[in-house]
Amino acid sequence: MFMVVANGSGGQVNPGDSIQMDNNFSWQGGLYGTNAVEFGNNDHVDGPIVGSQIILSNNLSTNAFANIAVVPVGMPSNKDVYAQPNPPQGFTG
């Protein structure tokens, strides 16, 4: 699953928002904002939405999303996992 994770507030989006979806926008994936997640008019979202506030405009549609039993690596509240390389092998001298 592709997920947008934002810890900011304001900047290029409205003050108080971490994520802002513009009008007539479709998204398949997760949205996680430590501040508000705001949707414009005629938006369509397929995926989990987490924010301190969810701000809705006209005609937002969502589809049912299955419960997530195991949070994928790298998502909020889950530890990062780093690859451990093996030592060089297969040569002599």
C-alpha atoms as a PDB file:
ATOM      1  CA  MET A   1       0.000   0.000   0.000  1.00  0.00           C
ATOM      2  CA  PHE A   2       1.259   3.478  -0.852  1.00  0.00           C
ATOM      3  CA  MET A   3       0.719   5.940   1.980  1.00  0.00           C
ATOM      4  CA  VAL A   4       1.219   9.694   2.327  1.00  0.00           C
ATOM      5  CA  VAL A   5       2.466  10.578   5.821  1.00  0.00           C
ATOM      6  CA  ALA A   6       2.722  14.255   6.802  1.00  0.00           C
ATOM      7  CA  ASN A   7       3.756  15.883  10.077  1.00  0.00           C
ATOM      8  CA  GLY A   8       3.510  19.509   8.929  1.00  0.00           C
ATOM      9  CA  SER A   9       0.904  22.211   9.280  1.00  0.00           C
ATOM     10  CA  GLY A  10       0.250  24.892   6.699  1.00  0.00           C
ATOM     11  CA  GLY A  11       2.849  25.907   4.138  1.00  0.00           C
ATOM     12  CA  GLN A  12       1.419  25.114   0.710  1.00  0.00           C
ATOM     13  CA  VAL A  13      -1.791  23.796   2.293  1.00  0.00           C
ATOM     14  CA  ASN A  14      -4.276  25.609   4.534  1.00  0.00           C
ATOM     15  CA  PRO A  15      -3.038  26.495   8.056  1.00  0.00           C
ATOM     16  CA  GLY A  16      -3.757  23.596  10.409  1.00  0.00           C
ATOM     17  CA  ASP A  17      -3.759  20.992   7.620  1.00  0.00           C
ATOM     18  CA  SER A  18      -1.164  18.266   7.180  1.00  0.00           C
ATOM     19  CA  ILE A  19      -2.742  16.961   3.953  1.00  0.00           C
ATOM     20  CA  GLN A  20      -5.119  18.718   1.567  1.00  0.00           C
ATOM     21  CA  MET A  21      -6.750  16.986  -1.397  1.00  0.00           C
ATOM     22  CA  ASP A  22      -7.851  19.410  -4.100  1.00  0.00           C
ATOM     23  CA  ASN A  23     -11.206  19.359  -5.950  1.00  0.00           C
ATOM     24  CA  ASN A  24     -12.025  16.459  -8.318  1.00  0.00           C
ATOM     25  CA  PHE A  25      -9.208  14.284  -6.979  1.00  0.00           C
ATOM     26  CA  SER A  26      -8.998  10.476  -6.717  1.00  0.00           C
ATOM     27  CA  TRP A  27      -6.607   8.622  -4.404  1.00  0.00           C
ATOM     28  CA  GLN A  28      -5.920   4.933  -3.809  1.00  0.00           C
ATOM     29  CA  GLY A  29      -3.805   4.445  -0.698  1.00  0.00           C
ATOM     30  CA  GLY A  30      -3.527   5.637   2.875  1.00  0.00           C
ATOM     31  CA  LEU A  31      -3.454   9.176   4.255  1.00  0.00           C
ATOM     32  CA  TYR A  32      -1.888   9.888   7.679  1.00  0.00           C
ATOM     33  CA  GLY A  33      -1.579  13.438   8.975  1.00  0.00           C
ATOM     34  CA  THR A  34      -0.640  14.533  12.487  1.00  0.00           C
ATOM     35  CA  ASN A  35      -2.848  17.578  11.882  1.00  0.00           C
ATOM     36  CA  ALA A  36      -6.030  17.862   9.796  1.00  0.00           C
ATOM     37  CA  VAL A  37      -6.670  15.992   6.550  1.00  0.00           C
ATOM     38  CA  GLU A  38      -8.867  18.174   4.304  1.00  0.00           C
ATOM     39  CA  PHE A  39     -10.796  17.137   1.199  1.00  0.00           C
ATOM     40  CA  GLY A  40     -12.076  19.356  -1.607  1.00  0.00           C
ATOM     41  CA  ASN A  41     -15.245  18.907  -3.654  1.00  0.00           C
ATOM     42  CA  ASN A  42     -15.930  15.715  -5.642  1.00  0.00           C
ATOM     43  CA  ASP A  43     -13.036  13.693  -4.167  1.00  0.00           C
ATOM     44  CA  HIS A  44     -12.824   9.889  -4.154  1.00  0.00           C
ATOM     45  CA  VAL A  45     -10.611   7.980  -1.701  1.00  0.00           C
ATOM     46  CA  ASP A  46      -9.885   4.241  -1.431  1.00  0.00           C
ATOM     47  CA  GLY A  47      -7.845   3.611   1.702  1.00  0.00           C
ATOM     48  CA  PRO A  48      -7.467   4.406   5.393  1.00  0.00           C
ATOM     49  CA  ILE A  49      -7.548   8.056   6.522  1.00  0.00           C
ATOM     50  CA  VAL A  50      -5.997   9.165   9.837  1.00  0.00           C
ATOM     51  CA  GLY A  51      -5.738  12.754  11.076  1.00  0.00           C
ATOM     52  CA  SER A  52      -6.403  14.921  14.112  1.00  0.00           C
ATOM     53  CA  GLN A  53      -9.409  16.193  12.120  1.00  0.00           C
ATOM     54  CA  ILE A  54     -10.999  15.028   8.880  1.00  0.00           C
ATOM     55  CA  ILE A  55     -12.456  18.052   7.048  1.00  0.00           C
ATOM     56  CA  LEU A  56     -15.037  17.134   4.405  1.00  0.00           C
ATOM     57  CA  SER A  57     -16.450  19.175   1.538  1.00  0.00           C
ATOM     58  CA  ASN A  58     -19.215  18.296  -0.937  1.00  0.00           C
ATOM     59  CA  ASN A  59     -19.429  14.871  -2.603  1.00  0.00           C
ATOM     60  CA  LEU A  60     -16.585  12.972  -0.951  1.00  0.00           C
ATOM     61  CA  SER A  61     -16.912   9.260  -1.677  1.00  0.00           C
ATOM     62  CA  THR A  62     -15.007   6.405  -0.080  1.00  0.00           C
ATOM     63  CA  ASN A  63     -15.077   2.648  -0.534  1.00  0.00           C
ATOM     64  CA  ALA A  64     -15.023   0.061   2.219  1.00  0.00           C
ATOM     65  CA  PHE A  65     -11.474  -0.788   3.245  1.00  0.00           C
ATOM     66  CA  ALA A  66     -10.500  -4.008   4.988  1.00  0.00           C
ATOM     67  CA  ASN A  67      -9.113  -3.891   8.522  1.00  0.00           C
ATOM     68  CA  ILE A  68      -5.332  -3.763   8.632  1.00  0.00           C
ATOM     69  CA  ALA A  69      -4.171  -6.526  10.990  1.00  0.00           C
ATOM     70  CA  VAL A  70      -0.434  -6.043  10.373  1.00  0.00           C
ATOM     71  CA  VAL A  71       0.903  -2.538   9.809  1.00  0.00           C
ATOM     72  CA  PRO A  72       3.407  -2.564   6.915  1.00  0.00           C
ATOM     73  CA  VAL A  73       7.042  -1.754   7.697  1.00  0.00           C
ATOM     74  CA  GLY A  74       7.879   1.960   7.610  1.00  0.00           C
ATOM     75  CA  MET A  75       4.369   3.225   8.381  1.00  0.00           C
ATOM     76  CA  PRO A  76       3.666   5.343  11.478  1.00  0.00           C
ATOM     77  CA  SER A  77       3.813   3.418  14.783  1.00  0.00           C
ATOM     78  CA  ASN A  78       5.893   0.645  13.200  1.00  0.00           C
ATOM     79  CA  LYS A  79       9.663   0.338  13.550  1.00  0.00           C
ATOM     80  CA  ASP A  80      11.908   0.810  10.524  1.00  0.00           C
ATOM     81  CA  VAL A  81      13.685  -2.304   9.308  1.00  0.00           C
ATOM     82  CA  TYR A  82      17.085  -2.109   7.657  1.00  0.00           C
ATOM     83  CA  ALA A  83      18.681  -4.787   5.497  1.00  0.00           C
ATOM     84  CA  GLN A  84      21.728  -6.528   6.963  1.00  0.00           C
ATOM     85  CA  PRO A  85      24.280  -7.332   4.222  1.00  0.00           C
ATOM     86  CA  ASN A  86      26.241 -10.576   4.319  1.00  0.00           C
ATOM     87  CA  PRO A  87      30.053 -10.453   4.214  1.00  0.00           C
ATOM     88  CA  PRO A  88      31.675 -10.854   0.770  1.00  0.00           C
ATOM     89  CA  GLN A  89      32.063 -14.459  -0.354  1.00  0.00           C
ATOM     90  CA  GLY A  90      32.772 -16.574  -3.422  1.00  0.00           C
ATOM     91  CA  PHE A  91      36.336 -15.429  -4.150  1.00  0.00           C
ATOM     92  CA  THR A  92      39.820 -16.472  -3.009  1.00  0.00           C
ATOM     93  CA  GLY A  93      43.181 -14.833  -2.492  1.00  0.00           C
END
